Amino acid sequence: MYHPISYLLHLGTLQNFETRLLVSSAQVEYLRYWLHAIGLTKNLISLPYSDCLLTESSLRHVSPVIFKAKEELKSALKVVLPGTFVPRS
């Protein structure tokens, strides 16, 4: 089954040349409702406050990245987000 948050993401380069994995507000909404629907959260998780959102002016470049399998995404997260915990399945 296709899950948009799992396969199509974007990489953004900040003004200081750091790379970040980006998700759209629609993907955040989907994830909030999905976590609640499958019972992982008792209540809906609140939306991130506006300071957490990146605007076009805060980015040097944005490029789409398509991952064909969750393993590819996990590998990319280790490179883009070093030191970040990626759970094993």
N, C-alpha and C. Protein backbone atom coordinates (compact mmCIF):
# COMPACT_ATOMS: atom_id res chain seq x y z
N MET A 1 0.84 -1.18 0.00
CA MET A 1 0.00 0.00 0.00
C MET A 1 0.88 1.24 0.00
N TYR A 2 0.54 2.24 -0.79
CA TYR A 2 1.30 3.48 -0.91
C TYR A 2 0.96 4.42 0.23
N HIS A 3 1.97 4.88 0.94
CA HIS A 3 1.80 5.89 1.98
C HIS A 3 2.65 7.10 1.57
N PRO A 4 2.04 8.24 1.25
CA PRO A 4 2.80 9.38 0.72
C PRO A 4 3.93 9.84 1.62
N ILE A 5 3.79 9.72 2.92
CA ILE A 5 4.86 10.19 3.80
C ILE A 5 6.06 9.25 3.75
N SER A 6 5.86 8.03 3.27
CA SER A 6 6.95 7.05 3.23
C SER A 6 7.80 7.13 1.98
N TYR A 7 7.27 7.61 0.89
CA TYR A 7 7.98 7.51 -0.37
C TYR A 7 8.40 8.83 -1.02
N LEU A 8 7.58 9.84 -0.97
CA LEU A 8 7.96 11.11 -1.60
C LEU A 8 8.21 12.15 -0.52
N LEU A 9 9.46 12.53 -0.40
CA LEU A 9 9.85 13.56 0.55
C LEU A 9 10.71 14.57 -0.18
N HIS A 10 11.12 15.59 0.54
CA HIS A 10 11.97 16.62 -0.05
C HIS A 10 13.17 16.87 0.85
N LEU A 11 14.29 17.15 0.23
CA LEU A 11 15.48 17.57 0.96
C LEU A 11 15.64 19.06 0.74
N GLY A 12 15.87 19.78 1.83
CA GLY A 12 16.06 21.22 1.73
C GLY A 12 17.43 21.60 2.23
N THR A 13 18.02 22.58 1.59
CA THR A 13 19.31 23.11 2.03
C THR A 13 19.06 24.47 2.65
N LEU A 14 19.43 24.61 3.92
CA LEU A 14 19.24 25.87 4.62
C LEU A 14 20.28 26.89 4.16
N GLN A 15 20.11 28.13 4.59
CA GLN A 15 21.05 29.19 4.21
C GLN A 15 22.47 28.90 4.69
N ASN A 16 22.62 28.14 5.78
CA ASN A 16 23.96 27.80 6.29
C ASN A 16 24.49 26.49 5.68
N PHE A 17 23.83 26.02 4.62
CA PHE A 17 24.21 24.83 3.86
C PHE A 17 23.94 23.50 4.58
N GLU A 18 23.24 23.52 5.69
CA GLU A 18 22.83 22.28 6.34
C GLU A 18 21.66 21.70 5.56
N THR A 19 21.60 20.36 5.49
CA THR A 19 20.53 19.68 4.78
C THR A 19 19.50 19.17 5.77
N ARG A 20 18.25 19.32 5.43
CA ARG A 20 17.15 18.84 6.27
C ARG A 20 16.16 18.06 5.43
N LEU A 21 15.61 17.03 6.02
CA LEU A 21 14.53 16.29 5.39
C LEU A 21 13.25 17.08 5.65
N LEU A 22 12.51 17.40 4.60
CA LEU A 22 11.32 18.23 4.72
C LEU A 22 10.06 17.41 4.49
N VAL A 23 9.00 17.77 5.16
CA VAL A 23 7.70 17.19 4.91
C VAL A 23 6.71 18.33 4.76
N SER A 24 5.66 18.09 3.99
CA SER A 24 4.66 19.13 3.77
C SER A 24 3.69 19.17 4.94
N SER A 25 2.95 20.26 5.03
CA SER A 25 1.94 20.36 6.09
C SER A 25 0.87 19.28 5.88
N ALA A 26 0.57 18.92 4.64
CA ALA A 26 -0.40 17.84 4.37
C ALA A 26 0.12 16.50 4.91
N GLN A 27 1.42 16.26 4.78
CA GLN A 27 1.99 15.02 5.32
C GLN A 27 1.95 15.01 6.84
N VAL A 28 2.17 16.16 7.46
CA VAL A 28 2.07 16.25 8.92
C VAL A 28 0.64 15.97 9.35
N GLU A 29 -0.34 16.55 8.66
CA GLU A 29 -1.76 16.30 8.96
C GLU A 29 -2.09 14.81 8.83
N TYR A 30 -1.66 14.20 7.75
CA TYR A 30 -1.91 12.78 7.53
C TYR A 30 -1.34 11.95 8.67
N LEU A 31 -0.12 12.23 9.05
CA LEU A 31 0.54 11.48 10.11
C LEU A 31 -0.17 11.65 11.44
N ARG A 32 -0.61 12.87 11.76
CA ARG A 32 -1.34 13.12 13.00
C ARG A 32 -2.59 12.26 13.08
N TYR A 33 -3.39 12.28 12.01
CA TYR A 33 -4.64 11.52 11.99
C TYR A 33 -4.38 10.02 11.96
N TRP A 34 -3.36 9.60 11.23
CA TRP A 34 -3.04 8.17 11.13
C TRP A 34 -2.63 7.62 12.49
N LEU A 35 -1.75 8.33 13.21
CA LEU A 35 -1.31 7.88 14.53
C LEU A 35 -2.50 7.74 15.48
N HIS A 36 -3.43 8.69 15.39
CA HIS A 36 -4.62 8.63 16.24
C HIS A 36 -5.55 7.50 15.80
N ALA A 37 -5.73 7.34 14.49
CA ALA A 37 -6.64 6.32 13.97
C ALA A 37 -6.20 4.90 14.32
N ILE A 38 -4.89 4.65 14.35
CA ILE A 38 -4.43 3.30 14.68
C ILE A 38 -4.23 3.10 16.19
N GLY A 39 -4.56 4.13 16.95
CA GLY A 39 -4.54 4.01 18.40
C GLY A 39 -3.22 4.27 19.09
N LEU A 40 -2.25 4.84 18.40
CA LEU A 40 -0.96 5.14 19.04
C LEU A 40 -1.00 6.40 19.88
N THR A 41 -2.00 7.26 19.64
CA THR A 41 -2.18 8.45 20.47
C THR A 41 -3.63 8.49 20.94
N LYS A 42 -3.81 8.87 22.19
CA LYS A 42 -5.16 8.96 22.74
C LYS A 42 -5.90 10.15 22.13
N ASN A 43 -5.20 11.25 21.98
CA ASN A 43 -5.75 12.46 21.37
C ASN A 43 -4.91 12.82 20.15
N LEU A 44 -5.48 13.65 19.30
CA LEU A 44 -4.70 14.13 18.16
C LEU A 44 -3.50 14.94 18.64
N ILE A 45 -2.37 14.71 18.05
CA ILE A 45 -1.18 15.50 18.35
C ILE A 45 -1.42 16.90 17.81
N SER A 46 -1.06 17.90 18.58
CA SER A 46 -1.28 19.27 18.12
C SER A 46 -0.33 19.60 16.96
N LEU A 47 -0.75 20.54 16.15
CA LEU A 47 0.08 20.99 15.02
C LEU A 47 1.32 21.72 15.54
N PRO A 48 2.42 21.63 14.80
CA PRO A 48 3.62 22.37 15.20
C PRO A 48 3.34 23.88 15.15
N TYR A 49 3.97 24.63 16.03
CA TYR A 49 3.81 26.07 16.01
C TYR A 49 4.57 26.66 14.82
N SER A 50 4.23 27.85 14.45
CA SER A 50 4.75 28.44 13.21
C SER A 50 6.27 28.59 13.18
N ASP A 51 6.92 28.70 14.33
CA ASP A 51 8.39 28.81 14.35
C ASP A 51 9.07 27.55 13.84
N CYS A 52 8.35 26.42 13.83
CA CYS A 52 8.91 25.16 13.34
C CYS A 52 8.83 25.04 11.83
N LEU A 53 8.06 25.91 11.20
CA LEU A 53 7.85 25.81 9.76
C LEU A 53 8.94 26.57 9.01
N LEU A 54 9.43 25.95 7.95
CA LEU A 54 10.42 26.61 7.10
C LEU A 54 9.69 27.26 5.93
N THR A 55 10.11 28.45 5.61
CA THR A 55 9.55 29.15 4.45
C THR A 55 10.56 29.12 3.31
N GLU A 56 10.11 29.47 2.14
CA GLU A 56 10.98 29.46 0.96
C GLU A 56 12.21 30.35 1.16
N SER A 57 12.04 31.45 1.87
CA SER A 57 13.16 32.37 2.07
C SER A 57 14.23 31.80 3.01
N SER A 58 13.89 30.80 3.81
CA SER A 58 14.89 30.21 4.72
C SER A 58 15.66 29.06 4.07
N LEU A 59 15.34 28.76 2.82
CA LEU A 59 15.99 27.64 2.12
C LEU A 59 16.76 28.12 0.90
N ARG A 60 17.91 27.53 0.67
CA ARG A 60 18.69 27.80 -0.55
C ARG A 60 18.17 26.97 -1.71
N HIS A 61 17.77 25.72 -1.39
CA HIS A 61 17.38 24.80 -2.45
C HIS A 61 16.48 23.71 -1.87
N VAL A 62 15.53 23.25 -2.68
CA VAL A 62 14.66 22.13 -2.30
C VAL A 62 14.65 21.16 -3.47
N SER A 63 14.81 19.87 -3.17
CA SER A 63 14.74 18.87 -4.23
C SER A 63 13.92 17.68 -3.76
N PRO A 64 13.07 17.16 -4.65
CA PRO A 64 12.28 15.98 -4.28
C PRO A 64 13.16 14.73 -4.24
N VAL A 65 12.82 13.83 -3.33
CA VAL A 65 13.53 12.57 -3.20
C VAL A 65 12.48 11.47 -3.11
N ILE A 66 12.63 10.45 -3.94
CA ILE A 66 11.69 9.34 -3.92
C ILE A 66 12.41 8.11 -3.40
N PHE A 67 11.84 7.50 -2.38
CA PHE A 67 12.39 6.28 -1.79
C PHE A 67 11.49 5.12 -2.20
N LYS A 68 12.08 4.09 -2.77
CA LYS A 68 11.31 2.94 -3.26
C LYS A 68 11.00 1.94 -2.15
N ALA A 69 11.74 1.98 -1.08
CA ALA A 69 11.53 1.05 0.02
C ALA A 69 11.88 1.74 1.33
N LYS A 70 11.31 1.25 2.43
CA LYS A 70 11.57 1.87 3.72
C LYS A 70 13.03 1.77 4.12
N GLU A 71 13.72 0.76 3.63
CA GLU A 71 15.14 0.61 3.93
C GLU A 71 15.95 1.77 3.35
N GLU A 72 15.57 2.21 2.14
CA GLU A 72 16.24 3.36 1.52
C GLU A 72 16.04 4.62 2.36
N LEU A 73 14.82 4.79 2.86
CA LEU A 73 14.52 5.95 3.69
C LEU A 73 15.33 5.91 4.98
N LYS A 74 15.41 4.76 5.62
CA LYS A 74 16.18 4.62 6.85
C LYS A 74 17.65 4.94 6.62
N SER A 75 18.20 4.47 5.51
CA SER A 75 19.60 4.76 5.20
C SER A 75 19.82 6.25 4.99
N ALA A 76 18.89 6.89 4.29
CA ALA A 76 19.00 8.33 4.04
C ALA A 76 18.90 9.13 5.34
N LEU A 77 18.05 8.70 6.24
CA LEU A 77 17.91 9.40 7.51
C LEU A 77 19.20 9.36 8.30
N LYS A 78 19.94 8.27 8.21
CA LYS A 78 21.21 8.16 8.93
C LYS A 78 22.23 9.15 8.39
N VAL A 79 22.13 9.48 7.11
CA VAL A 79 23.06 10.43 6.49
C VAL A 79 22.61 11.86 6.74
N VAL A 80 21.32 12.14 6.55
CA VAL A 80 20.79 13.50 6.68
C VAL A 80 20.70 13.91 8.14
N LEU A 81 20.35 12.97 9.00
CA LEU A 81 20.17 13.26 10.42
C LEU A 81 21.12 12.43 11.27
N PRO A 82 22.42 12.66 11.19
CA PRO A 82 23.35 11.83 11.95
C PRO A 82 23.07 11.93 13.45
N GLY A 83 23.17 10.78 14.11
CA GLY A 83 22.92 10.74 15.53
C GLY A 83 21.46 10.62 15.91
N THR A 84 20.57 10.67 14.92
CA THR A 84 19.14 10.56 15.19
C THR A 84 18.77 9.08 15.26
N PHE A 85 17.97 8.73 16.22
CA PHE A 85 17.55 7.34 16.38
C PHE A 85 16.56 6.98 15.30
N VAL A 86 16.84 5.91 14.57
CA VAL A 86 15.92 5.37 13.57
C VAL A 86 15.51 3.99 14.05
N PRO A 87 14.23 3.81 14.45
CA PRO A 87 13.82 2.51 14.99
C PRO A 87 13.94 1.38 13.98
N ARG A 88 14.27 0.20 14.46
CA ARG A 88 14.34 -0.98 13.60
C ARG A 88 12.95 -1.58 13.50
N SER A 89 12.65 -2.18 12.35
CA SER A 89 11.34 -2.82 12.21
C SER A 89 11.47 -4.31 12.34
